[in-house]
Amino acid sequence: MSNLRLYSTKGGVSEVTPRLAEVEADVQHLVEAHMETMLGVRFLASEYSTGPVHGGRIDSLGLDENGAPVVVEYKRGTDAGVINQGLFYLAWLMDHRAEFGHLVRERLGAAAACRVRWSAPRLICVAGDFTRYDVHAVREHRRSIDLVRYRLYGEQLVGLETVASVTGQTAVSGTARRRREAETARVHLSQGAMAELAAAVDETLLGLGPDITRAENRLYRAYRRLWNFACVCPPQKNKLLVYLKADPKEAGLVPGLTRDVTGLGHHGTGDLEVRLRSERDLERARDLFRLSYAAA
């Protein structure tokens, strides 16, 4: 994976040689058993049949932490068809929303089914490797696609590396677009200083690394590597709330700036709440942003 080399220090120092799985199913079973930890996606179904007419089977179906439907496809090594195959299944999924909603309701409950977000369905391809043509291809599509390279180390270690990640949005109606633009303009007019602070936060978060994608949600804006590491809520009159995946105990709490919201209901994801009221607060929060980015 890239130029990463892993060494064991047990009984001396020896390199742990990376390897591919024996068969594709080994990768699929491993990820499905730990999908929320490894990909930030709640597992719904394996080898999901698309019916006799379509004649296919989706490797894995899931729902990410922002409510977006997710198709996961696996390949043991490098396979030029994995992206097109995944997009084929993603198109089927978009035409069978009611069926997917029923699956979510059955597996995760009615509340999760009500929050399914169809504006940005995702495709995650997990494979032994990808070509430069694969990386270029995902940038030409209007879908949200993540290319994830895996490697096995010994018998107990697995590594995942995001090779490419793009965020797409489905087309919206003219009425919906105008409503969104009007709402954005209203926020900027009524909360000018906080809107400027939100723009600075956006620039700061996106600048943390080249593998960051931004997902828009009605209640918050999520910044993610495979899974969210920061969620920014719409500006309020005199503050901007950011939720981070950083461990509150590790980050250390600063009165007036940070708060442990573990177990408390809030928009977005993350247990560390950061309250920003000025550019100075943003400067104080930069290390926390980096900590959360690293944790993701």
Protein backbone atom coordinates (compact mmCIF):
# COMPACT_ATOMS: atom_id res chain seq x y z
CA MET A 1 0.00 0.00 0.00
CA SER A 2 1.77 3.11 -1.24
CA ASN A 3 5.29 2.84 0.18
CA LEU A 4 4.16 1.76 3.64
CA ARG A 5 6.26 -1.00 5.18
CA LEU A 6 5.13 -2.79 8.32
CA TYR A 7 7.49 -4.41 10.81
CA SER A 8 6.95 -6.73 13.75
CA THR A 9 9.09 -6.05 16.83
CA LYS A 10 8.26 -9.36 18.50
CA GLY A 11 11.50 -11.28 19.04
CA GLY A 12 13.54 -8.81 17.00
CA VAL A 13 12.51 -6.75 13.98
CA SER A 14 11.12 -8.43 10.88
CA GLU A 15 9.08 -7.10 8.00
CA VAL A 16 5.47 -8.29 7.71
CA THR A 17 4.93 -8.96 4.02
CA PRO A 18 1.62 -7.69 2.63
CA ARG A 19 -0.53 -10.09 0.65
CA LEU A 20 -3.85 -10.37 -1.13
CA ALA A 21 -6.69 -12.59 0.05
CA GLU A 22 -6.88 -16.13 -1.28
CA VAL A 23 -10.32 -15.48 -2.74
CA GLU A 24 -12.59 -12.44 -3.14
CA ALA A 25 -15.10 -13.83 -0.64
CA ASP A 26 -12.52 -13.57 2.16
CA VAL A 27 -12.34 -9.79 1.68
CA GLN A 28 -16.12 -9.51 1.49
CA HIS A 29 -16.71 -11.52 4.66
CA LEU A 30 -14.10 -9.54 6.60
CA VAL A 31 -15.52 -6.14 5.62
CA GLU A 32 -19.15 -7.15 6.09
CA ALA A 33 -18.43 -8.42 9.58
CA HIS A 34 -16.87 -5.07 10.55
CA MET A 35 -18.34 -2.66 8.01
CA GLU A 36 -19.21 0.17 10.39
CA THR A 37 -15.71 0.16 11.90
CA MET A 38 -13.86 -0.18 8.59
CA LEU A 39 -16.00 1.90 6.22
CA GLY A 40 -18.33 3.93 8.45
CA VAL A 41 -21.31 2.12 6.87
CA ARG A 42 -24.02 0.15 8.64
CA PHE A 43 -24.37 -3.28 7.02
CA LEU A 44 -27.75 -4.20 5.55
CA ALA A 45 -27.44 -7.19 3.22
CA SER A 46 -25.00 -9.49 1.45
CA GLU A 47 -25.32 -10.86 -2.11
CA TYR A 48 -28.55 -8.92 -2.56
CA SER A 49 -30.49 -10.17 -5.59
CA THR A 50 -31.64 -7.58 -8.10
CA GLY A 51 -34.31 -9.90 -9.45
CA PRO A 52 -34.72 -12.18 -12.48
CA VAL A 53 -34.97 -9.37 -15.04
CA HIS A 54 -31.88 -7.44 -13.94
CA GLY A 55 -30.13 -10.70 -13.12
CA GLY A 56 -27.45 -9.58 -10.69
CA ARG A 57 -26.29 -9.72 -7.10
CA ILE A 58 -24.99 -6.70 -5.19
CA ASP A 59 -22.04 -7.76 -3.04
CA SER A 60 -23.04 -5.62 -0.05
CA LEU A 61 -25.69 -3.01 0.71
CA GLY A 62 -25.38 -0.51 3.53
CA LEU A 63 -26.35 2.90 4.88
CA ASP A 64 -23.70 5.45 5.79
CA GLU A 65 -23.74 7.73 8.83
CA ASN A 66 -25.27 10.57 6.80
CA GLY A 67 -28.17 8.40 5.63
CA ALA A 68 -26.84 7.78 2.11
CA PRO A 69 -27.48 4.37 0.50
CA VAL A 70 -24.22 2.51 -0.19
CA VAL A 71 -23.32 -0.22 -2.68
CA VAL A 72 -20.04 -2.02 -1.88
CA GLU A 73 -18.29 -4.13 -4.51
CA TYR A 74 -15.18 -6.25 -3.88
CA LYS A 75 -12.39 -7.63 -6.04
CA ARG A 76 -9.49 -9.78 -4.87
CA GLY A 77 -6.94 -8.02 -7.10
CA THR A 78 -7.16 -5.44 -9.90
CA ASP A 79 -10.28 -5.59 -12.06
CA ALA A 80 -11.06 -3.01 -14.72
CA GLY A 81 -14.79 -3.75 -14.48
CA VAL A 82 -15.36 -3.11 -10.79
CA ILE A 83 -16.40 0.56 -11.18
CA ASN A 84 -18.80 -0.06 -14.08
CA GLN A 85 -20.27 -3.06 -12.29
CA GLY A 86 -20.82 -0.98 -9.16
CA LEU A 87 -22.42 1.87 -11.12
CA PHE A 88 -24.70 -0.65 -12.81
CA TYR A 89 -25.97 -1.76 -9.40
CA LEU A 90 -26.17 1.82 -8.13
CA ALA A 91 -28.45 2.70 -11.06
CA TRP A 92 -30.65 -0.29 -10.18
CA LEU A 93 -30.81 0.87 -6.58
CA MET A 94 -31.93 4.36 -7.59
CA ASP A 95 -34.82 2.76 -9.49
CA HIS A 96 -35.82 0.63 -6.49
CA ARG A 97 -35.95 3.15 -3.67
CA ALA A 98 -39.05 1.71 -2.05
CA GLU A 99 -37.46 -1.74 -1.90
CA PHE A 100 -34.32 -0.32 -0.30
CA GLY A 101 -36.41 1.69 2.17
CA HIS A 102 -38.21 -1.48 3.20
CA LEU A 103 -34.86 -3.21 3.76
CA VAL A 104 -33.63 -0.33 5.94
CA ARG A 105 -36.86 -0.35 7.95
CA GLU A 106 -36.58 -4.11 8.45
CA ARG A 107 -32.91 -4.08 9.52
CA LEU A 108 -32.43 -0.68 11.20
CA GLY A 109 -35.91 0.52 12.09
CA ALA A 110 -38.44 3.11 10.92
CA ALA A 111 -36.41 6.11 12.11
CA ALA A 112 -33.44 5.16 9.91
CA ALA A 113 -35.75 4.50 6.95
CA CYS A 114 -37.21 8.01 7.26
CA ARG A 115 -33.73 9.55 7.08
CA VAL A 116 -32.52 7.81 3.91
CA ARG A 117 -30.83 10.48 1.79
CA TRP A 118 -31.21 9.82 -1.94
CA SER A 119 -29.41 12.98 -3.10
CA ALA A 120 -25.98 11.35 -2.86
CA PRO A 121 -25.95 7.52 -3.03
CA ARG A 122 -22.45 6.04 -2.77
CA LEU A 123 -20.39 3.33 -4.41
CA ILE A 124 -17.41 1.91 -2.50
CA CYS A 125 -15.06 -0.39 -4.41
CA VAL A 126 -12.70 -2.47 -2.26
CA ALA A 127 -9.96 -4.17 -4.27
CA GLY A 128 -6.36 -5.31 -4.19
CA ASP A 129 -5.40 -2.40 -6.42
CA PHE A 130 -6.60 0.12 -8.98
CA THR A 131 -5.10 1.52 -12.17
CA ARG A 132 -4.56 5.17 -13.01
CA TYR A 133 -7.45 4.78 -15.46
CA ASP A 134 -9.73 3.80 -12.58
CA VAL A 135 -8.69 6.88 -10.61
CA HIS A 136 -9.34 9.09 -13.64
CA ALA A 137 -12.68 7.42 -14.37
CA VAL A 138 -14.21 8.15 -10.96
CA ARG A 139 -13.45 11.85 -11.41
CA GLU A 140 -15.48 11.90 -14.61
CA HIS A 141 -18.64 10.52 -13.01
CA ARG A 142 -21.32 12.49 -11.18
CA ARG A 143 -21.70 9.85 -8.48
CA SER A 144 -20.07 9.55 -5.07
CA ILE A 145 -17.38 6.89 -5.49
CA ASP A 146 -14.63 5.69 -3.15
CA LEU A 147 -11.81 3.44 -4.32
CA VAL A 148 -10.32 1.56 -1.37
CA ARG A 149 -7.20 -0.60 -1.62
CA TYR A 150 -6.75 -3.41 0.90
CA ARG A 151 -3.79 -5.50 2.04
CA LEU A 152 -3.53 -8.32 4.56
CA TYR A 153 -0.52 -8.46 6.87
CA GLY A 154 0.15 -11.78 8.52
CA GLU A 155 -2.93 -13.43 10.03
CA GLN A 156 -4.29 -10.59 12.18
CA LEU A 157 -3.71 -7.27 10.41
CA VAL A 158 -5.52 -5.64 7.51
CA GLY A 159 -4.81 -2.26 5.95
CA LEU A 160 -7.19 -0.02 4.01
CA GLU A 161 -6.10 2.94 1.88
CA THR A 162 -8.36 5.38 0.06
CA VAL A 163 -6.96 5.66 -3.45
CA ALA A 164 -9.58 8.08 -4.77
CA SER A 165 -12.76 9.64 -3.42
CA VAL A 166 -15.25 11.91 -5.15
CA THR A 167 -18.60 13.30 -4.02
CA GLY A 168 -21.45 13.58 -6.49
CA GLN A 169 -24.99 14.88 -6.21
CA THR A 170 -28.05 13.71 -8.10
CA ALA A 171 -29.86 16.30 -10.16
CA VAL A 172 -32.43 18.36 -8.29
CA SER A 173 -35.51 20.11 -9.60
CA GLY A 174 -35.41 23.79 -10.46
CA THR A 175 -37.81 24.54 -7.60
CA ALA A 176 -35.66 22.69 -5.07
CA ARG A 177 -32.53 24.41 -6.37
CA ARG A 178 -34.09 27.86 -6.15
CA ARG A 179 -35.32 27.11 -2.62
CA ARG A 180 -31.82 26.05 -1.58
CA GLU A 181 -30.23 29.14 -3.15
CA ALA A 182 -32.76 31.42 -1.45
CA GLU A 183 -32.09 29.78 1.92
CA THR A 184 -28.33 30.19 1.44
CA ALA A 185 -28.77 33.86 0.54
CA ARG A 186 -31.00 34.40 3.59
CA VAL A 187 -28.36 32.89 5.89
CA HIS A 188 -25.63 35.05 4.41
CA LEU A 189 -27.66 38.21 4.80
CA SER A 190 -28.84 37.58 8.36
CA GLN A 191 -25.70 35.98 9.73
CA GLY A 192 -22.91 37.63 7.80
CA ALA A 193 -20.11 37.28 10.37
CA MET A 194 -20.97 33.66 11.14
CA ALA A 195 -21.34 32.86 7.43
CA GLU A 196 -17.82 34.21 6.88
CA LEU A 197 -16.58 32.08 9.79
CA ALA A 198 -18.31 29.03 8.26
CA ALA A 199 -16.50 29.69 4.97
CA ALA A 200 -13.17 29.85 6.84
CA VAL A 201 -13.97 26.57 8.62
CA ASP A 202 -14.82 24.98 5.26
CA GLU A 203 -11.47 26.06 3.81
CA THR A 204 -9.61 24.83 6.90
CA LEU A 205 -11.24 21.39 6.93
CA LEU A 206 -10.81 20.81 3.19
CA GLY A 207 -7.18 21.86 3.49
CA LEU A 208 -6.32 19.09 5.95
CA GLY A 209 -5.66 16.55 3.21
CA PRO A 210 -6.25 15.58 -0.44
CA ASP A 211 -8.55 12.65 0.46
CA ILE A 212 -11.37 14.73 1.95
CA THR A 213 -14.84 14.86 0.43
CA ARG A 214 -17.72 17.08 1.52
CA ALA A 215 -21.29 15.80 1.78
CA GLU A 216 -24.23 18.20 2.03
CA ASN A 217 -27.07 17.34 4.36
CA ARG A 218 -30.17 19.37 5.19
CA LEU A 219 -29.13 19.62 8.85
CA TYR A 220 -25.33 19.73 8.55
CA ARG A 221 -22.36 19.54 6.22
CA ALA A 222 -20.15 16.44 6.65
CA TYR A 223 -16.42 16.30 5.92
CA ARG A 224 -15.18 12.77 5.48
CA ARG A 225 -12.44 10.43 4.57
CA LEU A 226 -14.30 7.13 4.15
CA TRP A 227 -16.39 8.20 7.18
CA ASN A 228 -17.14 11.56 8.78
CA PHE A 229 -14.45 13.29 10.80
CA ALA A 230 -16.24 16.65 11.11
CA CYS A 231 -19.82 17.89 10.82
CA VAL A 232 -20.60 21.61 10.60
CA CYS A 233 -24.11 22.81 11.44
CA PRO A 234 -25.67 25.89 9.78
CA PRO A 235 -24.47 29.18 11.34
CA GLN A 236 -26.48 30.45 14.30
CA LYS A 237 -26.79 34.10 15.31
CA ASN A 238 -23.56 34.23 17.30
CA LYS A 239 -21.91 30.81 17.06
CA LEU A 240 -21.02 27.96 14.76
CA LEU A 241 -21.19 24.36 16.01
CA VAL A 242 -18.76 21.73 14.73
CA TYR A 243 -18.86 18.09 15.81
CA LEU A 244 -15.66 16.04 15.64
CA LYS A 245 -14.86 12.33 15.86
CA ALA A 246 -11.94 13.12 18.18
CA ASP A 247 -12.09 11.47 21.61
CA PRO A 248 -13.15 14.17 24.13
CA LYS A 249 -10.89 12.62 26.80
CA GLU A 250 -7.88 12.68 24.49
CA ALA A 251 -8.61 16.16 23.16
CA GLY A 252 -9.07 17.77 26.56
CA LEU A 253 -12.03 20.04 27.19
CA VAL A 254 -11.74 23.82 27.13
CA PRO A 255 -14.63 25.68 28.83
CA GLY A 256 -16.56 27.76 26.34
CA LEU A 257 -14.88 26.13 23.35
CA THR A 258 -15.38 22.36 23.59
CA ARG A 259 -17.93 20.05 25.17
CA ASP A 260 -18.27 16.28 25.54
CA VAL A 261 -21.62 15.36 23.94
CA THR A 262 -21.22 11.58 24.17
CA GLY A 263 -24.71 10.11 24.41
CA LEU A 264 -26.38 13.47 23.81
CA GLY A 265 -28.59 14.01 20.79
CA HIS A 266 -27.34 16.49 18.16
CA HIS A 267 -27.17 16.95 14.40
CA GLY A 268 -24.22 15.34 12.66
CA THR A 269 -21.81 12.77 14.08
CA GLY A 270 -19.02 12.93 16.64
CA ASP A 271 -18.72 13.15 20.43
CA LEU A 272 -16.71 16.38 20.66
CA GLU A 273 -18.63 19.64 20.18
CA VAL A 274 -16.64 22.73 19.22
CA ARG A 275 -18.29 26.14 19.60
CA LEU A 276 -16.79 28.79 17.34
CA ARG A 277 -17.61 32.48 17.73
CA SER A 278 -14.61 34.13 16.11
CA GLU A 279 -11.51 33.61 13.97
CA ARG A 280 -9.56 33.30 17.22
CA ASP A 281 -11.69 30.31 18.21
CA LEU A 282 -10.99 28.78 14.81
CA GLU A 283 -7.24 29.10 15.40
CA ARG A 284 -7.64 27.39 18.78
CA ALA A 285 -9.63 24.58 17.15
CA ARG A 286 -7.20 23.77 14.31
CA ASP A 287 -5.32 21.13 16.32
CA LEU A 288 -8.63 19.48 17.19
CA PHE A 289 -9.56 19.37 13.50
CA ARG A 290 -6.23 17.69 12.74
CA LEU A 291 -6.73 15.22 15.58
CA SER A 292 -10.16 14.23 14.26
CA TYR A 293 -8.85 13.98 10.68
CA ALA A 294 -6.06 11.66 11.85
CA ALA A 295 -8.53 9.54 13.83
CA ALA A 296 -10.56 8.98 10.65
